[in-house]
Amino acid sequence: MEKFTQLNNTAVPLPMEDIDTDQIIPARFLKATTREGFGENLFRDWRYEQDNTPKDFILNNKTYDGCFYNFRPL
């Protein structure tokens, strides 16, 4: 296997500190028996209203689809 030295991707800026881990993946989505579906529930309560309509949140911006998430202060 070749040594990993560089990642070329766009980072999603999340200029927040001390993010509550229950907000990253809410506990109600951690009951799965497989490791699938976590991406669609990432920051679920920040991204969607209770009726599943999208909120104005950076992860709902199509510009950042497939990008790397940077969870540290800028």
C-alpha atoms as a PDB file:
ATOM      1  CA  MET A   1       0.000   0.000   0.000  1.00  0.00           C
ATOM      2  CA  GLU A   2       1.285   3.441  -0.912  1.00  0.00           C
ATOM      3  CA  LYS A   3       1.954   5.921   1.906  1.00  0.00           C
ATOM      4  CA  PHE A   4      -0.792   8.554   2.359  1.00  0.00           C
ATOM      5  CA  THR A   5       0.784  12.016   2.161  1.00  0.00           C
ATOM      6  CA  GLN A   6      -1.777  14.473   0.807  1.00  0.00           C
ATOM      7  CA  LEU A   7      -5.538  14.980   0.615  1.00  0.00           C
ATOM      8  CA  ASN A   8      -6.869  17.055  -2.264  1.00  0.00           C
ATOM      9  CA  ASN A   9     -10.435  18.073  -1.576  1.00  0.00           C
ATOM     10  CA  THR A  10     -12.602  21.043  -0.650  1.00  0.00           C
ATOM     11  CA  ALA A  11     -13.238  21.526   3.067  1.00  0.00           C
ATOM     12  CA  VAL A  12     -16.607  22.581   4.425  1.00  0.00           C
ATOM     13  CA  PRO A  13     -16.110  25.460   6.860  1.00  0.00           C
ATOM     14  CA  LEU A  14     -17.924  24.960  10.162  1.00  0.00           C
ATOM     15  CA  PRO A  15     -16.708  27.889  12.260  1.00  0.00           C
ATOM     16  CA  MET A  16     -18.039  26.531  15.543  1.00  0.00           C
ATOM     17  CA  GLU A  17     -16.323  25.398  18.718  1.00  0.00           C
ATOM     18  CA  ASP A  18     -17.340  22.777  21.271  1.00  0.00           C
ATOM     19  CA  ILE A  19     -19.903  21.040  19.086  1.00  0.00           C
ATOM     20  CA  ASP A  20     -22.112  18.751  21.155  1.00  0.00           C
ATOM     21  CA  THR A  21     -21.504  15.188  19.907  1.00  0.00           C
ATOM     22  CA  ASP A  22     -25.252  14.543  20.133  1.00  0.00           C
ATOM     23  CA  GLN A  23     -25.651  17.118  17.360  1.00  0.00           C
ATOM     24  CA  ILE A  24     -23.141  15.471  15.016  1.00  0.00           C
ATOM     25  CA  ILE A  25     -25.188  12.250  14.804  1.00  0.00           C
ATOM     26  CA  PRO A  26     -28.283  12.435  17.020  1.00  0.00           C
ATOM     27  CA  ALA A  27     -28.675   9.372  19.277  1.00  0.00           C
ATOM     28  CA  ARG A  28     -31.926   8.321  17.627  1.00  0.00           C
ATOM     29  CA  PHE A  29     -29.903   7.471  14.495  1.00  0.00           C
ATOM     30  CA  LEU A  30     -27.246   5.420  16.301  1.00  0.00           C
ATOM     31  CA  LYS A  31     -29.472   2.382  16.790  1.00  0.00           C
ATOM     32  CA  ALA A  32     -28.607   0.901  13.388  1.00  0.00           C
ATOM     33  CA  THR A  33     -26.850  -2.434  13.191  1.00  0.00           C
ATOM     34  CA  THR A  34     -24.801  -1.350  10.172  1.00  0.00           C
ATOM     35  CA  ARG A  35     -22.661   1.701   9.520  1.00  0.00           C
ATOM     36  CA  GLU A  36     -24.899   3.037   6.790  1.00  0.00           C
ATOM     37  CA  GLY A  37     -26.978   6.196   6.643  1.00  0.00           C
ATOM     38  CA  PHE A  38     -24.830   8.269   8.977  1.00  0.00           C
ATOM     39  CA  GLY A  39     -24.063  10.864   6.286  1.00  0.00           C
ATOM     40  CA  GLU A  40     -27.685  11.739   5.670  1.00  0.00           C
ATOM     41  CA  ASN A  41     -28.185  12.221   9.416  1.00  0.00           C
ATOM     42  CA  LEU A  42     -25.038  14.280  10.025  1.00  0.00           C
ATOM     43  CA  PHE A  43     -26.132  17.395  11.971  1.00  0.00           C
ATOM     44  CA  ARG A  44     -29.712  16.321  11.265  1.00  0.00           C
ATOM     45  CA  ASP A  45     -31.354  18.722  13.726  1.00  0.00           C
ATOM     46  CA  TRP A  46     -29.324  21.657  12.402  1.00  0.00           C
ATOM     47  CA  ARG A  47     -29.979  20.747   8.754  1.00  0.00           C
ATOM     48  CA  TYR A  48     -33.720  19.975   8.755  1.00  0.00           C
ATOM     49  CA  GLU A  49     -36.958  21.131  10.317  1.00  0.00           C
ATOM     50  CA  GLN A  50     -39.139  18.544  12.087  1.00  0.00           C
ATOM     51  CA  ASP A  51     -41.132  18.108   8.863  1.00  0.00           C
ATOM     52  CA  ASN A  52     -37.835  17.353   6.995  1.00  0.00           C
ATOM     53  CA  THR A  53     -37.733  20.621   5.056  1.00  0.00           C
ATOM     54  CA  PRO A  54     -34.135  21.820   4.713  1.00  0.00           C
ATOM     55  CA  LYS A  55     -32.907  24.715   6.838  1.00  0.00           C
ATOM     56  CA  ASP A  56     -30.375  27.288   5.649  1.00  0.00           C
ATOM     57  CA  PHE A  57     -27.316  25.322   6.835  1.00  0.00           C
ATOM     58  CA  ILE A  58     -23.984  24.963   5.051  1.00  0.00           C
ATOM     59  CA  LEU A  59     -24.224  21.171   4.681  1.00  0.00           C
ATOM     60  CA  ASN A  60     -27.404  21.653   2.636  1.00  0.00           C
ATOM     61  CA  ASN A  61     -25.451  23.713   0.102  1.00  0.00           C
ATOM     62  CA  LYS A  62     -24.858  21.537  -2.995  1.00  0.00           C
ATOM     63  CA  THR A  63     -21.465  23.238  -3.453  1.00  0.00           C
ATOM     64  CA  TYR A  64     -20.149  21.087  -0.608  1.00  0.00           C
ATOM     65  CA  ASP A  65     -21.525  17.688  -1.699  1.00  0.00           C
ATOM     66  CA  GLY A  66     -18.811  15.069  -1.209  1.00  0.00           C
ATOM     67  CA  CYS A  67     -16.455  17.455   0.571  1.00  0.00           C
ATOM     68  CA  PHE A  68     -14.319  17.029   3.662  1.00  0.00           C
ATOM     69  CA  TYR A  69     -15.718  18.409   6.940  1.00  0.00           C
ATOM     70  CA  ASN A  70     -13.372  20.534   9.005  1.00  0.00           C
ATOM     71  CA  PHE A  71     -14.465  20.530  12.660  1.00  0.00           C
ATOM     72  CA  ARG A  72     -12.052  23.032  14.126  1.00  0.00           C
ATOM     73  CA  PRO A  73     -11.968  26.782  14.657  1.00  0.00           C
ATOM     74  CA  LEU A  74     -10.922  28.833  11.647  1.00  0.00           C
END
